[in-house]
Protein backbone atom coordinates (compact mmCIF):
# COMPACT_ATOMS: atom_id res chain seq x y z
CA UNK A 1 0.00 0.00 0.00
CA UNK A 2 1.43 3.37 -0.99
CA UNK A 3 0.99 6.67 0.88
CA UNK A 4 -1.82 7.84 -1.40
CA UNK A 5 -3.86 4.73 -0.65
CA UNK A 6 -3.37 2.87 -3.92
CA UNK A 7 -1.99 -0.60 -4.37
CA UNK A 8 1.48 -1.03 -5.79
CA UNK A 9 0.17 -3.42 -8.43
CA UNK A 10 -2.43 -0.88 -9.49
CA UNK A 11 0.35 1.62 -10.12
CA UNK A 12 2.13 -0.85 -12.40
CA UNK A 13 -1.04 -1.43 -14.39
CA UNK A 14 -2.04 2.20 -14.58
CA UNK A 15 1.32 3.33 -15.93
CA UNK A 16 1.02 1.52 -19.27
CA UNK A 17 -2.58 2.62 -19.51
CA UNK A 18 -1.52 6.23 -19.11
CA UNK A 19 1.05 5.74 -21.82
CA UNK A 20 -1.64 4.39 -24.12
CA UNK A 21 -3.84 7.40 -23.43
CA UNK A 22 -1.14 9.82 -24.50
CA UNK A 23 -1.72 11.41 -27.91
CA UNK A 24 1.22 9.53 -29.48
CA UNK A 25 -0.46 9.02 -32.86
CA UNK A 26 -1.20 12.73 -33.02
CA UNK A 27 2.42 13.62 -32.28
CA UNK A 28 3.56 11.06 -34.82
CA UNK A 29 1.21 12.55 -37.41
CA UNK A 30 2.63 15.98 -36.68
CA UNK A 31 6.18 14.69 -37.15
CA UNK A 32 5.25 13.07 -40.46
CA UNK A 33 3.55 16.26 -41.63
CA UNK A 34 6.62 18.34 -40.75
CA UNK A 35 8.83 15.80 -42.52
CA UNK A 36 6.68 16.11 -45.66
CA UNK A 37 6.73 19.90 -45.56
CA UNK A 38 10.50 20.07 -45.07
CA UNK A 39 11.28 17.61 -47.88
CA UNK A 40 11.72 19.75 -51.04
CA UNK A 41 11.88 16.80 -53.44
CA UNK A 42 8.63 15.38 -52.09
CA UNK A 43 6.90 18.77 -52.32
CA UNK A 44 8.05 19.40 -55.90
CA UNK A 45 6.98 15.92 -57.00
CA UNK A 46 3.63 16.24 -55.24
CA UNK A 47 3.01 19.66 -56.83
CA UNK A 48 3.73 18.36 -60.34
CA UNK A 49 1.61 15.25 -59.76
CA UNK A 50 -1.30 17.30 -58.43
CA UNK A 51 -1.08 19.62 -61.44
CA UNK A 52 -1.15 16.72 -63.89
CA UNK A 53 -4.01 15.09 -61.98
CA UNK A 54 -5.96 18.36 -61.94
CA UNK A 55 -5.56 18.78 -65.70
CA UNK A 56 -6.67 15.18 -66.22
CA UNK A 57 -9.77 15.64 -64.06
CA UNK A 58 -10.72 18.95 -65.70
CA UNK A 59 -9.97 17.83 -69.28
CA UNK A 60 -13.67 17.41 -70.29
CA UNK A 61 -14.36 20.99 -69.16
CA UNK A 62 -11.13 22.57 -70.36
CA UNK A 63 -11.28 20.88 -73.76
CA UNK A 64 -14.83 19.68 -74.46
CA UNK A 65 -15.38 17.47 -77.44
CA UNK A 66 -13.44 14.61 -78.94
CA UNK A 67 -9.67 15.23 -78.86
CA UNK A 68 -9.39 13.22 -82.09
CA UNK A 69 -11.53 15.69 -84.07
CA UNK A 70 -9.79 17.68 -86.80
CA UNK A 71 -10.44 21.27 -85.75
CA UNK A 72 -7.88 23.42 -87.61
CA UNK A 73 -5.20 23.45 -90.26
CA UNK A 74 -2.52 20.79 -89.76
CA UNK A 75 0.90 21.37 -88.17
CA UNK A 76 0.19 24.74 -86.60
CA UNK A 77 3.12 25.61 -84.33
CA UNK A 78 2.58 26.59 -80.68
CA UNK A 79 1.59 30.25 -80.50
CA UNK A 80 0.75 30.50 -84.19
CA UNK A 81 -2.98 30.45 -83.47
CA UNK A 82 -3.97 31.30 -79.90
CA UNK A 83 -7.16 29.30 -80.27
CA UNK A 84 -4.82 26.32 -80.21
CA UNK A 85 -1.98 27.45 -77.92
CA UNK A 86 0.11 24.29 -78.32
CA UNK A 87 -0.52 23.93 -82.04
CA UNK A 88 -2.08 21.11 -84.05
CA UNK A 89 -0.77 17.80 -85.32
CA UNK A 90 -0.49 16.47 -88.85
CA UNK A 91 -4.27 15.86 -89.00
CA UNK A 92 -5.27 19.21 -87.53
CA UNK A 93 -6.07 17.91 -84.05
CA UNK A 94 -5.55 20.15 -81.03
CA UNK A 95 -2.32 19.18 -79.26
CA UNK A 96 -3.36 20.77 -75.95
CA UNK A 97 -6.61 18.81 -75.96
CA UNK A 98 -4.70 15.62 -76.71
CA UNK A 99 -2.27 16.24 -73.83
CA UNK A 100 -5.10 16.88 -71.35
CA UNK A 101 -7.17 13.87 -72.38
CA UNK A 102 -4.02 11.78 -72.68
CA UNK A 103 -3.26 12.52 -69.04
CA UNK A 104 -6.59 10.91 -68.11
CA UNK A 105 -5.70 7.75 -70.04
CA UNK A 106 -2.15 7.51 -68.70
CA UNK A 107 -3.12 8.06 -65.06
CA UNK A 108 -6.16 5.77 -65.32
CA UNK A 109 -4.09 2.93 -66.79
CA UNK A 110 -1.23 3.56 -64.37
CA UNK A 111 -3.42 3.54 -61.26
CA UNK A 112 -5.59 0.62 -62.40
CA UNK A 113 -2.59 -1.53 -63.35
CA UNK A 114 -0.88 -0.72 -60.05
CA UNK A 115 -4.00 -1.64 -58.08
CA UNK A 116 -4.21 -5.01 -59.87
CA UNK A 117 -0.51 -5.68 -59.33
CA UNK A 118 -0.74 -4.72 -55.66
CA UNK A 119 -3.71 -7.01 -55.00
CA UNK A 120 -2.15 -10.03 -56.70
CA UNK A 121 1.34 -9.41 -55.34
CA UNK A 122 0.12 -8.79 -51.79
CA UNK A 123 -1.99 -11.96 -51.75
CA UNK A 124 0.84 -14.10 -53.10
CA UNK A 125 3.58 -12.51 -50.97
CA UNK A 126 1.55 -12.51 -47.77
CA UNK A 127 0.56 -16.16 -48.18
CA UNK A 128 4.12 -17.23 -48.98
CA UNK A 129 5.71 -15.21 -46.18
CA UNK A 130 3.22 -16.09 -43.46
CA UNK A 131 2.63 -19.81 -44.03
CA UNK A 132 6.09 -20.75 -45.31
CA UNK A 133 6.88 -24.39 -46.07
CA UNK A 134 5.33 -25.89 -49.19
CA UNK A 135 3.11 -22.86 -49.72
CA UNK A 136 6.17 -20.62 -49.80
CA UNK A 137 8.02 -22.95 -52.19
CA UNK A 138 5.13 -23.19 -54.65
CA UNK A 139 4.36 -19.47 -54.69
CA UNK A 140 8.05 -18.54 -54.88
CA UNK A 141 8.53 -20.79 -57.92
CA UNK A 142 5.43 -19.24 -59.51
CA UNK A 143 6.84 -15.78 -58.92
CA UNK A 144 10.15 -16.77 -60.45
CA UNK A 145 8.39 -18.11 -63.55
CA UNK A 146 6.72 -14.74 -64.12
CA UNK A 147 9.99 -12.92 -63.49
CA UNK A 148 11.81 -14.91 -66.16
CA UNK A 149 9.62 -13.29 -68.84
CA UNK A 150 10.37 -9.60 -69.58
CA UNK A 151 7.49 -7.46 -68.35
CA UNK A 152 7.03 -5.48 -71.55
CA UNK A 153 7.13 -8.63 -73.70
CA UNK A 154 4.52 -10.32 -71.51
CA UNK A 155 2.27 -7.26 -71.76
CA UNK A 156 2.60 -7.26 -75.56
CA UNK A 157 1.64 -10.93 -75.72
CA UNK A 158 -1.42 -10.46 -73.51
CA UNK A 159 -2.59 -7.35 -75.40
CA UNK A 160 -2.04 -9.11 -78.74
CA UNK A 161 -4.26 -12.00 -77.64
CA UNK A 162 -7.13 -9.88 -76.30
CA UNK A 163 -8.68 -6.68 -77.66
CA UNK A 164 -6.39 -3.64 -77.18
CA UNK A 165 -8.57 -1.52 -74.89
CA UNK A 166 -7.60 0.60 -71.91
CA UNK A 167 -9.05 -1.94 -69.47
CA UNK A 168 -7.22 -4.88 -71.00
CA UNK A 169 -3.96 -2.90 -71.13
CA UNK A 170 -4.28 -2.09 -67.43
CA UNK A 171 -5.04 -5.75 -66.69
CA UNK A 172 -2.06 -6.92 -68.73
CA UNK A 173 0.34 -4.51 -67.02
CA UNK A 174 -1.00 -5.45 -63.59
CA UNK A 175 -0.64 -9.18 -64.28
CA UNK A 176 2.92 -8.65 -65.49
CA UNK A 177 4.04 -6.39 -62.60
CA UNK A 178 2.88 -8.25 -59.50
CA UNK A 179 6.08 -10.32 -58.87
CA UNK A 180 7.95 -7.25 -57.59
CA UNK A 181 5.28 -6.64 -54.96
CA UNK A 182 5.09 -10.34 -54.08
CA UNK A 183 8.81 -10.57 -53.31
CA UNK A 184 8.71 -7.40 -51.21
CA UNK A 185 5.64 -8.46 -49.23
CA UNK A 186 7.03 -11.97 -48.72
CA UNK A 187 10.23 -10.54 -47.24
CA UNK A 188 8.26 -8.26 -44.91
CA UNK A 189 5.98 -11.04 -43.72
CA UNK A 190 8.89 -13.44 -43.13
CA UNK A 191 10.54 -10.86 -40.87
CA UNK A 192 7.32 -10.02 -38.99
CA UNK A 193 5.56 -13.37 -38.60
CA UNK A 194 7.56 -14.24 -35.45
CA UNK A 195 7.18 -10.79 -33.87
CA UNK A 196 5.76 -10.50 -30.36
CA UNK A 197 2.49 -8.93 -31.46
CA UNK A 198 1.91 -11.78 -33.93
CA UNK A 199 2.60 -14.39 -31.25
CA UNK A 200 0.17 -12.58 -28.96
CA UNK A 201 -2.50 -12.65 -31.68
CA UNK A 202 -1.95 -16.39 -32.15
CA UNK A 203 -2.26 -16.96 -28.42
CA UNK A 204 -5.67 -15.27 -28.59
CA UNK A 205 -6.71 -17.78 -31.29
CA UNK A 206 -6.96 -15.19 -34.05
CA UNK A 207 -7.46 -16.72 -37.47
CA UNK A 208 -4.68 -16.59 -40.05
CA UNK A 209 -6.53 -14.16 -42.37
CA UNK A 210 -7.15 -11.82 -39.43
CA UNK A 211 -3.50 -11.91 -38.38
CA UNK A 212 -2.37 -11.29 -41.96
CA UNK A 213 -4.75 -8.41 -42.66
CA UNK A 214 -5.11 -6.76 -39.26
CA UNK A 215 -1.75 -7.38 -37.61
CA UNK A 216 1.11 -7.90 -40.07
CA UNK A 217 -0.03 -6.02 -43.18
CA UNK A 218 -0.31 -2.58 -41.49
CA UNK A 219 3.28 -2.94 -40.27
CA UNK A 220 4.46 -3.89 -43.77
CA UNK A 221 2.77 -0.94 -45.51
CA UNK A 222 5.60 1.66 -45.63
CA UNK A 223 7.77 -0.14 -48.22
CA UNK A 224 4.66 -1.13 -50.17
CA UNK A 225 3.55 2.51 -50.33
CA UNK A 226 6.97 3.55 -51.62
CA UNK A 227 6.90 0.80 -54.26
CA UNK A 228 3.45 1.90 -55.41
CA UNK A 229 4.76 5.18 -56.82
CA UNK A 230 7.40 3.33 -58.83
CA UNK A 231 4.79 0.89 -60.14
CA UNK A 232 2.54 3.71 -61.33
CA UNK A 233 5.47 5.32 -63.16
CA UNK A 234 6.43 2.02 -64.80
CA UNK A 235 2.82 1.39 -65.82
CA UNK A 236 2.61 4.83 -67.47
CA UNK A 237 5.83 4.16 -69.37
CA UNK A 238 4.61 0.71 -70.45
CA UNK A 239 1.30 2.09 -71.69
CA UNK A 240 3.14 4.82 -73.59
CA UNK A 241 5.37 2.20 -75.20
CA UNK A 242 2.37 0.13 -76.28
CA UNK A 243 0.62 3.16 -77.74
CA UNK A 244 3.80 4.18 -79.54
CA UNK A 245 3.81 0.74 -81.18
CA UNK A 246 0.13 1.25 -82.21
CA UNK A 247 -1.01 -1.38 -79.69
CA UNK A 248 -2.95 1.01 -77.48
CA UNK A 249 -6.66 1.73 -77.38
CA UNK A 250 -7.50 3.14 -80.86
CA UNK A 251 -10.51 5.02 -79.46
CA UNK A 252 -8.49 7.02 -76.94
CA UNK A 253 -5.70 9.58 -77.20
CA UNK A 254 -2.65 8.86 -75.05
CA UNK A 255 0.76 10.44 -74.76
CA UNK A 256 2.39 7.42 -76.37
CA UNK A 257 0.09 7.52 -79.40
CA UNK A 258 0.81 11.25 -79.82
CA UNK A 259 4.54 10.53 -79.89
CA UNK A 260 3.95 7.74 -82.40
CA UNK A 261 1.86 10.01 -84.65
CA UNK A 262 4.50 12.75 -84.59
CA UNK A 263 7.61 10.66 -85.18
CA UNK A 264 7.38 11.02 -88.99
CA UNK A 265 7.54 14.81 -88.58
CA UNK A 266 10.33 14.81 -86.03
CA UNK A 267 12.70 16.94 -88.17
CA UNK A 268 10.17 19.59 -89.20
CA UNK A 269 7.60 19.66 -86.37
CA UNK A 270 9.51 18.29 -83.42
CA UNK A 271 7.09 19.77 -80.89
CA UNK A 272 4.57 17.04 -81.75
CA UNK A 273 6.80 14.50 -80.02
CA UNK A 274 8.55 16.82 -77.56
CA UNK A 275 5.37 17.98 -75.79
CA UNK A 276 3.88 14.55 -74.98
CA UNK A 277 7.39 13.28 -74.23
CA UNK A 278 7.86 16.12 -71.75
CA UNK A 279 4.48 15.29 -70.17
CA UNK A 280 5.55 11.67 -69.67
CA UNK A 281 8.95 12.72 -68.31
CA UNK A 282 7.46 15.21 -65.83
CA UNK A 283 4.84 12.75 -64.59
CA UNK A 284 7.35 9.94 -64.12
CA UNK A 285 9.78 12.36 -62.46
CA UNK A 286 7.09 13.54 -60.05
CA UNK A 287 6.23 9.96 -59.10
CA UNK A 288 9.90 9.15 -58.51
CA UNK A 289 10.32 12.26 -56.37
CA UNK A 290 7.25 11.36 -54.33
CA UNK A 291 8.51 7.81 -53.94
CA UNK A 292 11.97 8.96 -52.80
CA UNK A 293 10.39 11.41 -50.38
CA UNK A 294 8.12 8.73 -48.92
CA UNK A 295 11.12 6.43 -48.57
CA UNK A 296 12.91 9.08 -46.50
CA UNK A 297 9.82 9.91 -44.46
CA UNK A 298 8.60 6.37 -43.75
CA UNK A 299 12.03 4.83 -43.23
CA UNK A 300 12.20 3.69 -39.57
CA UNK A 301 15.90 4.65 -39.40
CA UNK A 302 14.97 8.29 -40.02
CA UNK A 303 13.09 8.44 -36.70
CA UNK A 304 10.02 9.89 -38.40
CA UNK A 305 7.97 6.75 -38.88
């Protein structure tokens, strides 16, 4: 019995409870916010990405109508006619309208393909890393089989078999890109499956799916989030490559198809390839900057996570 009339054991129990009641998540959120604000690369990448996303969202209002319509004389240079500030292509289509609507296609395919790859890769990697044994061996061999085939070649084969539409392109890229996520998630789960909080969950008879989803996966998210930005960038580049090879959706304008249409006029009207190429480069650069910034912010060694 202590002087204030409380039991010594009660003091030992109350101390951890008080620690739990402290606003630690709020302080942690404040530290992460300050880390984001003080990271110039992350801010620049986020600003560029938000600008591209805003243009993509507002494209139907900024440039109503079909971007494939022939609206003016062909090969007008930027600034030659202010009704078409970025000029027109060889068929008289508005380049600015094509860039804005192409941003919608590139971001839609990039995000959709990344979501598909994340779902497949997370399921395979989590199952292999958590259960181990024969499950790990089978899924690891399956992952290695997919990794032996070049990603772009596998995407070309899938798109050549099915109809080249935006949805099938996103599906093909997602199916071809999941092994990277699977290997990362497997490594994270193998390092976390014997942690104390996992053993405590098992002692409480939690089911395997609950332990995987509710206990281990949240602790494995930081590297997955960083990898997501790289996957989106790679998906945008892959879609641009397909469209450049005339294997994209023929009913949609994309940055890759604009580069492909302008390659025959590269010596005389180089802006037809330079403008969509610059859009791809800026978008991929912004995603890489955001990914590098998240890696610095979420890295446990930085003391910010």
